[in-house]
Full PDB file with SEQRES, HELIX, SHEET, SSBOND, CRYST1, ORIGX, SCALE, CONECT and MASTER records, all heavy atoms in Angstrom:
SEQRES   1 A   32  GLN ARG GLU LEU VAL ALA GLN ILE THR PRO HIS GLY THR          
SEQRES   2 A   32  THR THR TYR ALA ASP SER VAL LYS GLY ARG PHE THR ILE          
SEQRES   3 A   32  SER LYS ASN ASN ALA LYS                                      
HELIX    1 AA1 ASP A   18  VAL A   20  5                                   3    
SHEET    1 AA1 2 ALA A   6  ILE A   8  0                                        
SHEET    2 AA1 2 THR A  14  TYR A  16 -1                                        
CRYST1    1.000    1.000    1.000  90.00  90.00  90.00 P 1           1          
ORIGX1      1.000000  0.000000  0.000000        0.00000                         
ORIGX2      0.000000  1.000000  0.000000        0.00000                         
ORIGX3      0.000000  0.000000  1.000000        0.00000                         
SCALE1      1.000000  0.000000  0.000000        0.00000                         
SCALE2      0.000000  1.000000  0.000000        0.00000                         
SCALE3      0.000000  0.000000  1.000000        0.00000                         
ATOM      1  N   GLN A   1     -35.171 -26.212  33.773  1.00  0.00           N  
ATOM      2  CA  GLN A   1     -33.881 -26.705  33.682  1.00  0.00           C  
ATOM      3  C   GLN A   1     -33.069 -26.329  34.823  1.00  0.00           C  
ATOM      4  O   GLN A   1     -33.215 -25.195  35.465  1.00  0.00           O  
ATOM      5  CB  GLN A   1     -33.258 -26.316  32.385  1.00  0.00           C  
ATOM      6  CG  GLN A   1     -33.988 -26.779  31.098  1.00  0.00           C  
ATOM      7  CD  GLN A   1     -33.688 -28.086  30.662  1.00  0.00           C  
ATOM      8  OE1 GLN A   1     -32.764 -28.878  31.189  1.00  0.00           O  
ATOM      9  NE2 GLN A   1     -34.325 -28.671  29.616  1.00  0.00           N  
ATOM     10  N   ARG A   2     -32.219 -27.293  35.245  1.00  0.00           N  
ATOM     11  CA  ARG A   2     -31.125 -26.920  36.133  1.00  0.00           C  
ATOM     12  C   ARG A   2     -30.144 -25.900  35.578  1.00  0.00           C  
ATOM     13  O   ARG A   2     -29.709 -26.147  34.450  1.00  0.00           O  
ATOM     14  CB  ARG A   2     -30.313 -28.067  36.639  1.00  0.00           C  
ATOM     15  CG  ARG A   2     -29.414 -27.788  37.789  1.00  0.00           C  
ATOM     16  CD  ARG A   2     -28.975 -29.042  38.417  1.00  0.00           C  
ATOM     17  NE  ARG A   2     -30.006 -29.962  38.996  1.00  0.00           N  
ATOM     18  CZ  ARG A   2     -29.721 -31.036  39.798  1.00  0.00           C  
ATOM     19  NH1 ARG A   2     -28.511 -31.511  39.828  1.00  0.00           N  
ATOM     20  NH2 ARG A   2     -30.696 -31.670  40.133  1.00  0.00           N  
ATOM     21  N   GLU A   3     -29.823 -24.840  36.233  1.00  0.00           N  
ATOM     22  CA  GLU A   3     -29.031 -23.752  35.684  1.00  0.00           C  
ATOM     23  C   GLU A   3     -27.844 -23.530  36.600  1.00  0.00           C  
ATOM     24  O   GLU A   3     -27.970 -23.631  37.799  1.00  0.00           O  
ATOM     25  CB  GLU A   3     -29.823 -22.377  35.467  1.00  0.00           C  
ATOM     26  CG  GLU A   3     -30.311 -21.858  36.736  1.00  0.00           C  
ATOM     27  CD  GLU A   3     -31.039 -20.519  36.435  1.00  0.00           C  
ATOM     28  OE1 GLU A   3     -30.845 -19.911  35.415  1.00  0.00           O  
ATOM     29  OE2 GLU A   3     -31.768 -20.025  37.383  1.00  0.00           O  
ATOM     30  N   LEU A   4     -26.779 -23.174  36.017  1.00  0.00           N  
ATOM     31  CA  LEU A   4     -25.469 -22.748  36.744  1.00  0.00           C  
ATOM     32  C   LEU A   4     -25.700 -21.347  37.364  1.00  0.00           C  
ATOM     33  O   LEU A   4     -26.054 -20.485  36.588  1.00  0.00           O  
ATOM     34  CB  LEU A   4     -24.335 -22.875  35.819  1.00  0.00           C  
ATOM     35  CG  LEU A   4     -22.865 -22.439  36.392  1.00  0.00           C  
ATOM     36  CD1 LEU A   4     -22.556 -23.387  37.465  1.00  0.00           C  
ATOM     37  CD2 LEU A   4     -21.851 -22.521  35.221  1.00  0.00           C  
ATOM     38  N   VAL A   5     -25.444 -21.329  38.588  1.00  0.00           N  
ATOM     39  CA  VAL A   5     -25.493 -20.040  39.260  1.00  0.00           C  
ATOM     40  C   VAL A   5     -24.100 -19.362  39.386  1.00  0.00           C  
ATOM     41  O   VAL A   5     -23.904 -18.112  39.080  1.00  0.00           O  
ATOM     42  CB  VAL A   5     -26.218 -20.135  40.597  1.00  0.00           C  
ATOM     43  CG1 VAL A   5     -26.146 -18.853  41.397  1.00  0.00           C  
ATOM     44  CG2 VAL A   5     -27.662 -20.716  40.481  1.00  0.00           C  
ATOM     45  N   ALA A   6     -23.148 -20.106  39.924  1.00  0.00           N  
ATOM     46  CA  ALA A   6     -21.898 -19.654  40.275  1.00  0.00           C  
ATOM     47  C   ALA A   6     -20.902 -20.879  40.195  1.00  0.00           C  
ATOM     48  O   ALA A   6     -21.175 -21.907  40.380  1.00  0.00           O  
ATOM     49  CB  ALA A   6     -21.785 -18.894  41.600  1.00  0.00           C  
ATOM     50  N   GLN A   7     -19.605 -20.464  39.938  1.00  0.00           N  
ATOM     51  CA  GLN A   7     -18.538 -21.293  39.902  1.00  0.00           C  
ATOM     52  C   GLN A   7     -17.193 -20.840  40.371  1.00  0.00           C  
ATOM     53  O   GLN A   7     -17.055 -19.597  40.160  1.00  0.00           O  
ATOM     54  CB  GLN A   7     -18.387 -21.911  38.550  1.00  0.00           C  
ATOM     55  CG  GLN A   7     -17.350 -22.899  38.292  1.00  0.00           C  
ATOM     56  CD  GLN A   7     -17.115 -23.362  36.981  1.00  0.00           C  
ATOM     57  OE1 GLN A   7     -16.525 -22.650  36.115  1.00  0.00           O  
ATOM     58  NE2 GLN A   7     -17.718 -24.439  36.501  1.00  0.00           N  
ATOM     59  N   ILE A   8     -16.431 -21.573  41.158  1.00  0.00           N  
ATOM     60  CA  ILE A   8     -15.087 -21.201  41.574  1.00  0.00           C  
ATOM     61  C   ILE A   8     -14.188 -22.280  41.197  1.00  0.00           C  
ATOM     62  O   ILE A   8     -14.379 -23.449  41.567  1.00  0.00           O  
ATOM     63  CB  ILE A   8     -15.166 -20.694  42.998  1.00  0.00           C  
ATOM     64  CG1 ILE A   8     -13.766 -20.192  43.438  1.00  0.00           C  
ATOM     65  CG2 ILE A   8     -15.520 -21.955  43.990  1.00  0.00           C  
ATOM     66  CD1 ILE A   8     -13.830 -19.586  44.732  1.00  0.00           C  
ATOM     67  N   THR A   9     -13.021 -21.828  40.660  1.00  0.00           N  
ATOM     68  CA  THR A   9     -11.970 -22.833  40.289  1.00  0.00           C  
ATOM     69  C   THR A   9     -11.000 -23.032  41.542  1.00  0.00           C  
ATOM     70  O   THR A   9     -11.089 -22.280  42.446  1.00  0.00           O  
ATOM     71  CB  THR A   9     -11.280 -22.266  39.128  1.00  0.00           C  
ATOM     72  OG1 THR A   9     -10.441 -21.096  39.534  1.00  0.00           O  
ATOM     73  CG2 THR A   9     -12.120 -21.879  37.868  1.00  0.00           C  
ATOM     74  N   PRO A  10     -10.085 -23.953  41.350  1.00  0.00           N  
ATOM     75  CA  PRO A  10      -9.142 -24.214  42.328  1.00  0.00           C  
ATOM     76  C   PRO A  10      -8.353 -22.933  42.683  1.00  0.00           C  
ATOM     77  O   PRO A  10      -7.776 -22.779  43.750  1.00  0.00           O  
ATOM     78  CB  PRO A  10      -8.283 -25.355  41.902  1.00  0.00           C  
ATOM     79  CG  PRO A  10      -9.150 -26.115  40.998  1.00  0.00           C  
ATOM     80  CD  PRO A  10     -10.067 -25.074  40.467  1.00  0.00           C  
ATOM     81  N   HIS A  11      -8.045 -22.122  41.699  1.00  0.00           N  
ATOM     82  CA  HIS A  11      -7.185 -20.924  41.949  1.00  0.00           C  
ATOM     83  C   HIS A  11      -8.083 -19.732  42.335  1.00  0.00           C  
ATOM     84  O   HIS A  11      -7.572 -18.653  42.304  1.00  0.00           O  
ATOM     85  CB  HIS A  11      -6.529 -20.572  40.634  1.00  0.00           C  
ATOM     86  CG  HIS A  11      -5.464 -21.559  40.274  1.00  0.00           C  
ATOM     87  ND1 HIS A  11      -4.816 -21.658  39.107  1.00  0.00           N  
ATOM     88  CD2 HIS A  11      -4.738 -22.466  41.102  1.00  0.00           C  
ATOM     89  CE1 HIS A  11      -3.867 -22.687  39.149  1.00  0.00           C  
ATOM     90  NE2 HIS A  11      -3.850 -23.151  40.268  1.00  0.00           N  
ATOM     91  N   GLY A  12      -9.420 -19.927  42.410  1.00  0.00           N  
ATOM     92  CA  GLY A  12     -10.248 -18.837  42.981  1.00  0.00           C  
ATOM     93  C   GLY A  12     -10.789 -17.951  41.915  1.00  0.00           C  
ATOM     94  O   GLY A  12     -11.534 -16.973  42.281  1.00  0.00           O  
ATOM     95  N   THR A  13     -10.771 -18.345  40.705  1.00  0.00           N  
ATOM     96  CA  THR A  13     -11.511 -17.644  39.669  1.00  0.00           C  
ATOM     97  C   THR A  13     -12.980 -17.991  39.826  1.00  0.00           C  
ATOM     98  O   THR A  13     -13.481 -19.119  39.789  1.00  0.00           O  
ATOM     99  CB  THR A  13     -11.054 -18.063  38.228  1.00  0.00           C  
ATOM    100  OG1 THR A  13      -9.649 -17.837  38.178  1.00  0.00           O  
ATOM    101  CG2 THR A  13     -11.725 -17.298  37.151  1.00  0.00           C  
ATOM    102  N   THR A  14     -13.793 -16.992  39.725  1.00  0.00           N  
ATOM    103  CA  THR A  14     -15.244 -17.032  39.945  1.00  0.00           C  
ATOM    104  C   THR A  14     -15.962 -16.588  38.699  1.00  0.00           C  
ATOM    105  O   THR A  14     -15.486 -15.698  37.980  1.00  0.00           O  
ATOM    106  CB  THR A  14     -15.738 -16.180  41.157  1.00  0.00           C  
ATOM    107  OG1 THR A  14     -15.386 -14.892  41.053  1.00  0.00           O  
ATOM    108  CG2 THR A  14     -15.106 -16.736  42.459  1.00  0.00           C  
ATOM    109  N   THR A  15     -17.146 -17.248  38.428  1.00  0.00           N  
ATOM    110  CA  THR A  15     -18.035 -16.834  37.346  1.00  0.00           C  
ATOM    111  C   THR A  15     -19.393 -16.853  37.886  1.00  0.00           C  
ATOM    112  O   THR A  15     -19.744 -17.609  38.865  1.00  0.00           O  
ATOM    113  CB  THR A  15     -17.937 -17.650  36.229  1.00  0.00           C  
ATOM    114  OG1 THR A  15     -18.153 -19.055  36.504  1.00  0.00           O  
ATOM    115  CG2 THR A  15     -16.550 -17.605  35.550  1.00  0.00           C  
ATOM    116  N   TYR A  16     -20.339 -16.027  37.288  1.00  0.00           N  
ATOM    117  CA  TYR A  16     -21.624 -16.022  37.808  1.00  0.00           C  
ATOM    118  C   TYR A  16     -22.616 -15.810  36.689  1.00  0.00           C  
ATOM    119  O   TYR A  16     -22.309 -15.310  35.687  1.00  0.00           O  
ATOM    120  CB  TYR A  16     -21.801 -14.704  38.831  1.00  0.00           C  
ATOM    121  CG  TYR A  16     -20.971 -14.746  40.053  1.00  0.00           C  
ATOM    122  CD1 TYR A  16     -19.788 -14.077  39.883  1.00  0.00           C  
ATOM    123  CD2 TYR A  16     -21.480 -15.283  41.215  1.00  0.00           C  
ATOM    124  CE1 TYR A  16     -19.015 -14.063  41.157  1.00  0.00           C  
ATOM    125  CE2 TYR A  16     -20.603 -15.360  42.276  1.00  0.00           C  
ATOM    126  CZ  TYR A  16     -19.427 -14.761  42.302  1.00  0.00           C  
ATOM    127  OH  TYR A  16     -18.656 -14.820  43.420  1.00  0.00           O  
ATOM    128  N   ALA A  17     -23.796 -16.410  36.865  1.00  0.00           N  
ATOM    129  CA  ALA A  17     -24.834 -16.104  35.926  1.00  0.00           C  
ATOM    130  C   ALA A  17     -25.152 -14.716  35.963  1.00  0.00           C  
ATOM    131  O   ALA A  17     -25.139 -14.002  37.010  1.00  0.00           O  
ATOM    132  CB  ALA A  17     -26.027 -16.997  36.323  1.00  0.00           C  
ATOM    133  N   ASP A  18     -25.599 -14.183  34.897  1.00  0.00           N  
ATOM    134  CA  ASP A  18     -25.961 -12.784  34.653  1.00  0.00           C  
ATOM    135  C   ASP A  18     -27.031 -12.378  35.686  1.00  0.00           C  
ATOM    136  O   ASP A  18     -27.120 -11.250  36.289  1.00  0.00           O  
ATOM    137  CB  ASP A  18     -26.383 -12.362  33.327  1.00  0.00           C  
ATOM    138  CG  ASP A  18     -25.125 -12.375  32.392  1.00  0.00           C  
ATOM    139  OD1 ASP A  18     -24.023 -12.223  32.772  1.00  0.00           O  
ATOM    140  OD2 ASP A  18     -25.511 -12.378  31.097  1.00  0.00           O  
ATOM    141  N   SER A  19     -27.995 -13.372  35.944  1.00  0.00           N  
ATOM    142  CA  SER A  19     -29.246 -12.972  36.867  1.00  0.00           C  
ATOM    143  C   SER A  19     -28.734 -12.772  38.236  1.00  0.00           C  
ATOM    144  O   SER A  19     -29.503 -12.137  39.109  1.00  0.00           O  
ATOM    145  CB  SER A  19     -30.230 -14.200  36.712  1.00  0.00           C  
ATOM    146  OG  SER A  19     -29.581 -15.399  37.124  1.00  0.00           O  
ATOM    147  N   VAL A  20     -27.588 -13.265  38.689  1.00  0.00           N  
ATOM    148  CA  VAL A  20     -27.205 -13.084  40.086  1.00  0.00           C  
ATOM    149  C   VAL A  20     -25.926 -12.328  40.326  1.00  0.00           C  
ATOM    150  O   VAL A  20     -25.537 -12.034  41.454  1.00  0.00           O  
ATOM    151  CB  VAL A  20     -26.902 -14.486  40.731  1.00  0.00           C  
ATOM    152  CG1 VAL A  20     -28.131 -15.520  40.538  1.00  0.00           C  
ATOM    153  CG2 VAL A  20     -25.664 -15.183  40.099  1.00  0.00           C  
ATOM    154  N   LYS A  21     -25.426 -11.853  39.202  1.00  0.00           N  
ATOM    155  CA  LYS A  21     -24.090 -11.039  39.212  1.00  0.00           C  
ATOM    156  C   LYS A  21     -24.358  -9.869  40.053  1.00  0.00           C  
ATOM    157  O   LYS A  21     -25.243  -9.104  39.865  1.00  0.00           O  
ATOM    158  CB  LYS A  21     -23.576 -10.796  37.882  1.00  0.00           C  
ATOM    159  CG  LYS A  21     -22.111 -10.188  37.891  1.00  0.00           C  
ATOM    160  CD  LYS A  21     -21.754 -10.076  36.317  1.00  0.00           C  
ATOM    161  CE  LYS A  21     -20.333  -9.511  36.278  1.00  0.00           C  
ATOM    162  NZ  LYS A  21     -19.314 -10.477  36.866  1.00  0.00           N  
ATOM    163  N   GLY A  22     -23.340  -9.601  41.048  1.00  0.00           N  
ATOM    164  CA  GLY A  22     -23.572  -8.488  41.856  1.00  0.00           C  
ATOM    165  C   GLY A  22     -24.310  -8.709  43.042  1.00  0.00           C  
ATOM    166  O   GLY A  22     -24.352  -7.772  44.021  1.00  0.00           O  
ATOM    167  N   ARG A  23     -25.002  -9.784  43.191  1.00  0.00           N  
ATOM    168  CA  ARG A  23     -25.904 -10.087  44.359  1.00  0.00           C  
ATOM    169  C   ARG A  23     -25.329 -11.437  45.170  1.00  0.00           C  
ATOM    170  O   ARG A  23     -25.517 -11.445  46.276  1.00  0.00           O  
ATOM    171  CB  ARG A  23     -27.387 -10.307  43.917  1.00  0.00           C  
ATOM    172  CG  ARG A  23     -27.935  -9.177  43.329  1.00  0.00           C  
ATOM    173  CD  ARG A  23     -29.411  -9.341  43.086  1.00  0.00           C  
ATOM    174  NE  ARG A  23     -29.657 -10.467  42.076  1.00  0.00           N  
ATOM    175  CZ  ARG A  23     -30.361 -11.648  42.596  1.00  0.00           C  
ATOM    176  NH1 ARG A  23     -30.847 -11.746  43.838  1.00  0.00           N  
ATOM    177  NH2 ARG A  23     -30.620 -12.570  41.733  1.00  0.00           N  
ATOM    178  N   PHE A  24     -24.763 -12.337  44.312  1.00  0.00           N  
ATOM    179  CA  PHE A  24     -24.378 -13.589  44.893  1.00  0.00           C  
ATOM    180  C   PHE A  24     -22.738 -13.506  45.035  1.00  0.00           C  
ATOM    181  O   PHE A  24     -22.159 -13.036  44.013  1.00  0.00           O  
ATOM    182  CB  PHE A  24     -24.840 -14.747  44.153  1.00  0.00           C  
ATOM    183  CG  PHE A  24     -26.344 -15.079  44.292  1.00  0.00           C  
ATOM    184  CD1 PHE A  24     -27.189 -14.028  44.849  1.00  0.00           C  
ATOM    185  CD2 PHE A  24     -26.806 -16.341  43.818  1.00  0.00           C  
ATOM    186  CE1 PHE A  24     -28.580 -14.432  45.008  1.00  0.00           C  
ATOM    187  CE2 PHE A  24     -28.141 -16.514  43.893  1.00  0.00           C  
ATOM    188  CZ  PHE A  24     -28.997 -15.649  44.515  1.00  0.00           C  
ATOM    189  N   THR A  25     -22.225 -14.171  45.849  1.00  0.00           N  
ATOM    190  CA  THR A  25     -20.819 -14.453  45.976  1.00  0.00           C  
ATOM    191  C   THR A  25     -20.459 -15.934  46.343  1.00  0.00           C  
ATOM    192  O   THR A  25     -20.915 -16.421  47.367  1.00  0.00           O  
ATOM    193  CB  THR A  25     -20.196 -13.447  47.033  1.00  0.00           C  
ATOM    194  OG1 THR A  25     -20.529 -12.140  46.752  1.00  0.00           O  
ATOM    195  CG2 THR A  25     -18.648 -13.544  46.987  1.00  0.00           C  
ATOM    196  N   ILE A  26     -19.668 -16.555  45.478  1.00  0.00           N  
ATOM    197  CA  ILE A  26     -19.266 -17.772  45.755  1.00  0.00           C  
ATOM    198  C   ILE A  26     -17.792 -17.742  46.354  1.00  0.00           C  
ATOM    199  O   ILE A  26     -16.990 -17.091  45.987  1.00  0.00           O  
ATOM    200  CB  ILE A  26     -19.242 -18.757  44.501  1.00  0.00           C  
ATOM    201  CG1 ILE A  26     -18.960 -20.174  44.859  1.00  0.00           C  
ATOM    202  CG2 ILE A  26     -18.340 -18.343  43.487  1.00  0.00           C  
ATOM    203  CD1 ILE A  26     -19.187 -21.197  43.721  1.00  0.00           C  
ATOM    204  N   SER A  27     -17.594 -18.708  47.418  1.00  0.00           N  
ATOM    205  CA  SER A  27     -16.323 -18.708  47.992  1.00  0.00           C  
ATOM    206  C   SER A  27     -15.933 -20.088  48.428  1.00  0.00           C  
ATOM    207  O   SER A  27     -16.961 -20.996  48.583  1.00  0.00           O  
ATOM    208  CB  SER A  27     -16.148 -17.746  49.025  1.00  0.00           C  
ATOM    209  OG  SER A  27     -17.054 -17.885  50.215  1.00  0.00           O  
ATOM    210  N   LYS A  28     -14.670 -20.370  48.880  1.00  0.00           N  
ATOM    211  CA  LYS A  28     -14.304 -21.617  49.556  1.00  0.00           C  
ATOM    212  C   LYS A  28     -13.516 -21.341  50.665  1.00  0.00           C  
ATOM    213  O   LYS A  28     -12.680 -20.371  50.668  1.00  0.00           O  
ATOM    214  CB  LYS A  28     -13.578 -22.467  48.544  1.00  0.00           C  
ATOM    215  CG  LYS A  28     -14.510 -23.074  47.401  1.00  0.00           C  
ATOM    216  CD  LYS A  28     -13.529 -24.055  46.708  1.00  0.00           C  
ATOM    217  CE  LYS A  28     -12.302 -23.499  45.989  1.00  0.00           C  
ATOM    218  NZ  LYS A  28     -11.475 -24.502  45.142  1.00  0.00           N  
ATOM    219  N   ASN A  29     -13.455 -22.090  51.710  1.00  0.00           N  
ATOM    220  CA  ASN A  29     -12.732 -22.093  52.909  1.00  0.00           C  
ATOM    221  C   ASN A  29     -12.044 -23.451  52.895  1.00  0.00           C  
ATOM    222  O   ASN A  29     -12.533 -24.414  53.257  1.00  0.00           O  
ATOM    223  CB  ASN A  29     -13.410 -21.887  54.080  1.00  0.00           C  
ATOM    224  CG  ASN A  29     -12.548 -21.652  55.310  1.00  0.00           C  
ATOM    225  OD1 ASN A  29     -11.535 -22.516  55.601  1.00  0.00           O  
ATOM    226  ND2 ASN A  29     -12.724 -20.653  56.094  1.00  0.00           N  
ATOM    227  N   ASN A  30     -10.734 -23.456  52.369  1.00  0.00           N  
ATOM    228  CA  ASN A  30     -10.084 -24.796  52.316  1.00  0.00           C  
ATOM    229  C   ASN A  30      -9.802 -25.337  53.618  1.00  0.00           C  
ATOM    230  O   ASN A  30      -9.891 -26.638  53.741  1.00  0.00           O  
ATOM    231  CB  ASN A  30      -8.778 -24.515  51.574  1.00  0.00           C  
ATOM    232  CG  ASN A  30      -8.954 -24.220  50.062  1.00  0.00           C  
ATOM    233  OD1 ASN A  30      -9.909 -24.589  49.488  1.00  0.00           O  
ATOM    234  ND2 ASN A  30      -8.032 -23.469  49.552  1.00  0.00           N  
ATOM    235  N   ALA A  31      -9.552 -24.659  54.641  1.00  0.00           N  
ATOM    236  CA  ALA A  31      -9.179 -25.250  55.906  1.00  0.00           C  
ATOM    237  C   ALA A  31     -10.518 -25.947  56.449  1.00  0.00           C  
ATOM    238  O   ALA A  31     -10.446 -26.989  57.095  1.00  0.00           O  
ATOM    239  CB  ALA A  31      -8.684 -24.170  56.913  1.00  0.00           C  
ATOM    240  N   LYS A  32     -11.548 -25.298  56.261  1.00  0.00           N  
ATOM    241  CA  LYS A  32     -12.985 -25.942  56.690  1.00  0.00           C  
ATOM    242  C   LYS A  32     -13.459 -26.900  55.732  1.00  0.00           C  
ATOM    243  O   LYS A  32     -14.415 -27.570  56.068  1.00  0.00           O  
ATOM    244  CB  LYS A  32     -14.034 -24.867  56.952  1.00  0.00           C  
ATOM    245  CG  LYS A  32     -13.546 -23.963  58.134  1.00  0.00           C  
ATOM    246  CD  LYS A  32     -14.577 -22.909  58.384  1.00  0.00           C  
ATOM    247  CE  LYS A  32     -14.383 -22.060  59.543  1.00  0.00           C  
ATOM    248  NZ  LYS A  32     -15.355 -21.035  59.927  1.00  0.00           N  
TER     249      LYS A  32                                                      
MASTER        0    0    0    1    2    0    0    6  248    1    0    3          
END                                                                             
């Protein structure tokens, strides 16, 4: 199954799957 790894909202709130928490970081660069 396709699984959610990480998510970031327009306000920068991030969530992570337990399996990647502490190892993965999601981010956005709005200018780019």
